[in-house]
Amino acid sequence: MAETYFKIASVTVGSAGSSTITFTSIPQTYTDLKLVWSLRSSRSSVTDPIRVSFNSSSSSFTNKYLSGNSTTTVTGSSAQYVGEAVGNTATTSTFNNGELYIPNYTSANYKSASSNSVSENNASGTGDAVATIASTLWSNTAAITSITLSVDTGPNFLQYSTARLYGISNS
């Protein structure tokens, strides 16, 4: 069965920054969704956790993740966590990249999602790249009609941060 990707929407953060990146009015005509991003945060740190919400809800999320860099590996759970944005003390003009995959987003079942991301930092003595994989469960039977990304500390995504939402059809 052939899979076909359709770009639903794209967001690029402007010069004022933005506390969230939101996709609304998501068509209910696809099988799955894929959100792809390249992000940088205004947090005065090397990285900043990225959070996701569906349909403006921040409740009923559970999560497991594995995250690490060249010296440390961490596992844990943190509701809505999908990766790390590059913070504002990381190498100038670098962004993280990541993606969130949501199968069966219109079903009447709970919604599962998987994500992966990596942040880049080449500055001497300030840490290095952080790679993360995570699984998320939203215990809600509503179809997903909107998706919001936010930074945990931020307070903002910086200019040129981008996100693109794709619908995937299995026919």
Foldseek 3Di string as FASTA:
>chain_A
DDKDKDWPDKDFAAAVFAQKDKDFQDDPPFFKKKKKWWWEFADPAQKWWKFKDFPPDQPQKKKWKWKDDPPDIDIDIDGRTADIWGYPVFPPPHTKIKMKMWGRLAAQAKTKIKMWIKGAGDDPPRGGIMIMIMIMIRGGRHRGRMMMMGTDPGSGIHGRIMMIMIGMHPD
